[in-house]
Amino acid sequence: MSEIMSLKGKVIVITGAAQGVGRATAELALNLGAKVCVVDLQREPLEAFAAANPDHVQAYVGSVSDPDFVAASIEHAISRFGKLDGLVNCAGIVRAAMIENMTLQTWNQVLECHLTGAFLWLQAVGSHLVERAKSGEQVKGSIVNISSEAGRRGSIGQINYASAKAGMLGMTMSAAREWGKYGVRTNTVCLGMVETPMTETIRSERFRDTYLAQIPMGRWAQPEEVAAPIAFLLSDAAGYVLGQHLGVNGGFHLAS
């Protein structure tokens, strides 16, 4: 698998990399030979990861929806590693409320992190890749937006989250149509129920049986096993995969 999905020589930016799926993806990318730029608000786990891999990991601590932070991070990453080859938009938050009780602030917080944040990083990394392609370089770039099956099925108590994740599908397809000709592939991974801190409520005793009954595989996913499909999309093994939404969900959502 490591040879087929090699990321040797690639520089990958991963947001939301302090824990969960983002961290698992960063660790796998590193093991597959990539240099990794990890982004998160949580300073301690991010900097500890970078300190343990000083030649191959660069940490950036800040808000993914802060355009000045995004621009400065991208500029520094290119200066340090010489280029960027890929992006994983994995940063996310949950602010749950039923529709009639959801405040505009709660709505905006989630949309800002998931959707605006993803757009800013996609725009920055993608523009760098397109610029290289226009200069005559043969670019093999990959952007992976981490969405959720909530964006395809809807969600109870998280209309903000479901709307943001649905928006990421449109973002993927738009970027794919605009940038495919430059060798920049944009795809989505739609996650089901992954055992991370963000899904603690869903996996609690109150909701556990209801959700597990909807998953044919009958269990939660582990971060490490969803990181592998993400790495596949980052690799040249997925060189002809463009504008797709890959469900990694144990059968929670079955698309035709």
Protein backbone atom coordinates (compact mmCIF):
# COMPACT_ATOMS: atom_id res chain seq x y z
CA MET A 1 0.00 0.00 0.00
CA SER A 2 2.77 2.44 0.89
CA GLU A 3 4.27 2.17 -2.62
CA ILE A 4 0.94 2.57 -4.40
CA MET A 5 -0.06 5.57 -2.29
CA SER A 6 3.38 7.09 -1.86
CA LEU A 7 3.43 10.78 -0.94
CA LYS A 8 7.20 11.02 -1.15
CA GLY A 9 8.31 14.48 -2.24
CA LYS A 10 4.90 16.05 -1.65
CA VAL A 11 4.11 18.89 0.74
CA ILE A 12 0.63 18.64 2.24
CA VAL A 13 -1.32 21.19 4.31
CA ILE A 14 -3.79 19.66 6.78
CA THR A 15 -6.20 21.78 8.82
CA GLY A 16 -7.78 20.49 12.02
CA ALA A 17 -4.66 18.41 12.57
CA ALA A 18 -4.39 18.49 16.37
CA GLN A 19 -6.67 15.49 16.90
CA GLY A 20 -9.08 13.04 15.32
CA VAL A 21 -9.18 12.54 11.57
CA GLY A 22 -6.87 15.47 10.87
CA ARG A 23 -4.17 14.13 13.16
CA ALA A 24 -4.49 10.59 11.82
CA THR A 25 -4.20 11.92 8.27
CA ALA A 26 -1.13 13.98 9.17
CA GLU A 27 0.56 10.96 10.72
CA LEU A 28 -0.23 8.75 7.72
CA ALA A 29 0.93 11.39 5.23
CA LEU A 30 4.18 11.69 7.15
CA ASN A 31 4.64 7.91 7.12
CA LEU A 32 3.98 7.88 3.36
CA GLY A 33 6.85 10.28 2.80
CA ALA A 34 5.24 13.72 2.74
CA LYS A 35 6.28 16.89 4.45
CA VAL A 36 3.28 18.12 6.42
CA CYS A 37 2.04 21.56 7.41
CA VAL A 38 -0.40 21.09 10.29
CA VAL A 39 -2.97 23.75 11.22
CA ASP A 40 -5.16 24.04 14.31
CA LEU A 41 -6.19 26.28 17.20
CA GLN A 42 -4.84 23.79 19.74
CA ARG A 43 -1.23 24.77 20.25
CA GLU A 44 0.17 22.05 22.53
CA PRO A 45 -0.63 18.88 20.52
CA LEU A 46 0.24 20.60 17.26
CA GLU A 47 3.63 21.86 18.38
CA ALA A 48 4.44 18.55 20.09
CA PHE A 49 3.81 16.74 16.79
CA ALA A 50 6.04 19.20 14.94
CA ALA A 51 8.77 18.98 17.59
CA ALA A 52 8.83 15.18 17.23
CA ASN A 53 9.32 15.50 13.45
CA PRO A 54 11.27 18.76 13.05
CA ASP A 55 12.53 18.17 9.51
CA HIS A 56 9.20 17.17 8.04
CA VAL A 57 6.43 18.93 10.01
CA GLN A 58 5.62 22.62 10.37
CA ALA A 59 2.91 23.78 12.79
CA TYR A 60 0.64 26.79 12.31
CA VAL A 61 -1.56 27.77 15.25
CA GLY A 62 -4.53 29.99 14.47
CA SER A 63 -8.08 30.24 13.18
CA VAL A 64 -8.70 28.67 9.78
CA SER A 65 -11.20 31.43 8.96
CA ASP A 66 -8.72 34.28 9.56
CA PRO A 67 -7.59 35.38 6.07
CA ASP A 68 -4.43 37.06 7.36
CA PHE A 69 -3.42 33.88 9.22
CA VAL A 70 -4.09 31.80 6.11
CA ALA A 71 -2.01 34.06 3.87
CA ALA A 72 0.91 34.24 6.32
CA SER A 73 0.90 30.48 6.88
CA ILE A 74 0.88 29.67 3.18
CA GLU A 75 3.67 32.16 2.49
CA HIS A 76 5.81 30.67 5.26
CA ALA A 77 5.11 27.08 4.20
CA ILE A 78 6.18 27.78 0.61
CA SER A 79 9.27 29.60 1.88
CA ARG A 80 10.25 26.66 4.09
CA PHE A 81 9.43 23.71 1.84
CA GLY A 82 9.67 25.36 -1.58
CA LYS A 83 6.17 24.43 -2.78
CA LEU A 84 2.83 22.94 -1.81
CA ASP A 85 1.26 19.89 -3.46
CA GLY A 86 -1.91 19.24 -1.53
CA LEU A 87 -4.47 20.30 1.05
CA VAL A 88 -6.84 18.51 3.39
CA ASN A 89 -9.61 20.77 4.71
CA CYS A 90 -10.45 18.93 7.93
CA ALA A 91 -10.97 21.67 10.53
CA GLY A 92 -14.42 21.70 12.09
CA ILE A 93 -16.58 22.46 15.09
CA VAL A 94 -20.03 21.45 16.31
CA ARG A 95 -22.56 23.88 17.79
CA ALA A 96 -25.80 21.93 18.11
CA ALA A 97 -29.33 23.32 18.42
CA MET A 98 -32.73 22.57 16.95
CA ILE A 99 -33.68 24.90 14.09
CA GLU A 100 -36.16 26.97 16.10
CA ASN A 101 -33.59 27.50 18.86
CA MET A 102 -30.51 28.18 16.78
CA THR A 103 -29.14 31.70 17.08
CA LEU A 104 -27.56 33.53 14.19
CA GLN A 105 -24.28 33.52 16.12
CA THR A 106 -24.36 29.72 16.41
CA TRP A 107 -25.19 29.41 12.72
CA ASN A 108 -22.37 31.74 11.71
CA GLN A 109 -19.75 30.09 13.93
CA VAL A 110 -20.11 26.76 12.18
CA LEU A 111 -20.42 28.17 8.66
CA GLU A 112 -17.36 30.36 9.24
CA CYS A 113 -15.18 27.47 10.39
CA HIS A 114 -16.30 24.75 7.99
CA LEU A 115 -17.22 26.64 4.85
CA THR A 116 -15.41 29.98 4.89
CA GLY A 117 -12.32 28.38 6.42
CA ALA A 118 -12.27 25.64 3.79
CA PHE A 119 -12.69 28.19 1.02
CA LEU A 120 -9.80 30.35 2.24
CA TRP A 121 -7.35 27.44 2.38
CA LEU A 122 -8.59 25.98 -0.92
CA GLN A 123 -8.21 29.38 -2.57
CA ALA A 124 -4.70 29.90 -1.20
CA VAL A 125 -3.30 26.45 -1.94
CA GLY A 126 -5.12 26.14 -5.25
CA SER A 127 -3.91 29.53 -6.46
CA HIS A 128 -0.33 28.48 -5.72
CA LEU A 129 -0.79 25.28 -7.71
CA VAL A 130 -2.45 27.07 -10.64
CA GLU A 131 0.31 29.67 -10.72
CA ARG A 132 2.90 26.90 -10.97
CA ALA A 133 0.94 25.24 -13.78
CA LYS A 134 0.64 28.51 -15.71
CA SER A 135 4.40 28.94 -15.48
CA GLY A 136 4.81 25.70 -17.42
CA GLU A 137 5.32 23.23 -14.58
CA GLN A 138 3.55 19.87 -14.76
CA VAL A 139 1.47 20.03 -11.60
CA LYS A 140 -0.03 17.06 -9.78
CA GLY A 141 -1.96 18.80 -7.04
CA SER A 142 -4.72 17.43 -4.84
CA ILE A 143 -7.24 19.13 -2.57
CA VAL A 144 -9.45 16.99 -0.33
CA ASN A 145 -12.42 18.58 1.41
CA ILE A 146 -13.61 16.61 4.43
CA SER A 147 -17.38 16.73 4.41
CA SER A 148 -19.96 14.56 6.15
CA GLU A 149 -22.91 12.42 5.21
CA ALA A 150 -24.91 15.03 7.12
CA GLY A 151 -24.33 17.19 4.05
CA ARG A 152 -26.07 14.61 1.86
CA ARG A 153 -28.72 13.30 4.30
CA GLY A 154 -29.43 16.28 6.53
CA SER A 155 -29.13 16.24 10.30
CA ILE A 156 -31.37 16.67 13.34
CA GLY A 157 -30.15 19.40 15.68
CA GLN A 158 -27.28 20.53 13.44
CA ILE A 159 -28.71 22.41 10.48
CA ASN A 160 -25.64 24.67 10.55
CA TYR A 161 -23.24 21.73 10.30
CA ALA A 162 -25.27 19.93 7.62
CA SER A 163 -25.57 23.10 5.55
CA ALA A 164 -21.84 23.80 5.78
CA LYS A 165 -20.97 20.24 4.80
CA ALA A 166 -23.41 20.37 1.86
CA GLY A 167 -21.74 23.59 0.78
CA MET A 168 -18.38 21.86 0.68
CA LEU A 169 -19.73 19.51 -1.98
CA GLY A 170 -20.46 22.46 -4.25
CA MET A 171 -17.05 23.93 -3.44
CA THR A 172 -15.38 20.70 -4.52
CA MET A 173 -17.23 20.49 -7.83
CA SER A 174 -16.64 24.16 -8.66
CA ALA A 175 -12.91 23.94 -7.97
CA ALA A 176 -12.73 20.71 -9.96
CA ARG A 177 -14.32 22.36 -12.99
CA GLU A 178 -12.10 25.45 -12.80
CA TRP A 179 -8.77 23.87 -11.91
CA GLY A 180 -8.83 20.38 -13.41
CA LYS A 181 -7.16 21.65 -16.58
CA TYR A 182 -4.20 22.81 -14.48
CA GLY A 183 -3.60 19.39 -12.94
CA VAL A 184 -5.29 20.32 -9.66
CA ARG A 185 -7.70 17.60 -8.50
CA THR A 186 -10.36 18.52 -5.95
CA ASN A 187 -12.42 15.80 -4.28
CA THR A 188 -14.55 15.28 -1.18
CA VAL A 189 -14.51 12.61 1.48
CA CYS A 190 -17.91 12.31 3.15
CA LEU A 191 -17.47 10.80 6.59
CA GLY A 192 -20.02 8.88 8.61
CA MET A 193 -19.62 8.32 12.34
CA VAL A 194 -15.95 8.45 13.29
CA GLU A 195 -14.84 7.88 16.87
CA THR A 196 -13.49 11.37 17.64
CA PRO A 197 -14.19 14.06 20.25
CA MET A 198 -16.60 15.77 17.82
CA THR A 199 -18.95 12.77 17.80
CA GLU A 200 -19.11 12.15 21.56
CA THR A 201 -22.77 13.20 21.80
CA ILE A 202 -23.90 10.99 18.92
CA ARG A 203 -21.97 8.06 20.37
CA SER A 204 -23.40 8.57 23.86
CA GLU A 205 -25.76 6.04 25.42
CA ARG A 206 -28.75 8.23 24.52
CA PHE A 207 -28.17 8.08 20.74
CA ARG A 208 -25.78 5.16 20.27
CA ASP A 209 -28.24 2.42 19.31
CA THR A 210 -30.24 4.68 16.98
CA TYR A 211 -27.21 5.56 14.92
CA LEU A 212 -25.53 2.16 14.97
CA ALA A 213 -28.75 0.65 13.61
CA GLN A 214 -28.32 2.81 10.50
CA ILE A 215 -24.77 1.60 9.82
CA PRO A 216 -24.66 -1.80 8.03
CA MET A 217 -21.16 -2.44 9.37
CA GLY A 218 -22.54 -1.94 12.88
CA ARG A 219 -19.66 0.08 14.35
CA TRP A 220 -18.01 3.50 14.43
CA ALA A 221 -15.07 4.23 12.15
CA GLN A 222 -11.62 4.80 13.59
CA PRO A 223 -9.65 7.91 12.49
CA GLU A 224 -6.84 5.77 11.10
CA GLU A 225 -9.09 3.85 8.72
CA VAL A 226 -10.65 6.98 7.22
CA ALA A 227 -7.22 8.59 6.86
CA ALA A 228 -6.26 5.96 4.27
CA PRO A 229 -8.87 6.97 1.66
CA ILE A 230 -7.86 10.60 2.18
CA ALA A 231 -4.23 9.67 1.53
CA PHE A 232 -5.31 7.80 -1.59
CA LEU A 233 -6.92 10.95 -2.99
CA LEU A 234 -3.78 12.94 -2.18
CA SER A 235 -1.58 10.44 -3.99
CA ASP A 236 -0.88 10.00 -7.69
CA ALA A 237 -2.76 6.71 -7.48
CA ALA A 238 -5.92 8.86 -7.72
CA GLY A 239 -4.53 10.82 -10.66
CA TYR A 240 -7.76 10.60 -12.70
CA VAL A 241 -10.20 11.11 -9.82
CA LEU A 242 -11.72 14.59 -9.99
CA GLY A 243 -14.79 16.26 -8.48
CA GLN A 244 -15.98 13.14 -6.65
CA HIS A 245 -17.60 12.67 -3.24
CA LEU A 246 -16.21 9.50 -1.67
CA GLY A 247 -18.38 8.14 1.12
CA VAL A 248 -16.35 6.58 3.94
CA ASN A 249 -19.21 5.67 6.20
CA GLY A 250 -19.66 1.93 6.76
CA GLY A 251 -22.81 2.03 4.60
CA PHE A 252 -24.51 4.81 6.58
CA HIS A 253 -25.30 6.49 3.25
CA LEU A 254 -25.57 4.37 0.10
CA ALA A 255 -25.34 6.47 -3.05
CA SER A 256 -26.30 5.22 -6.51
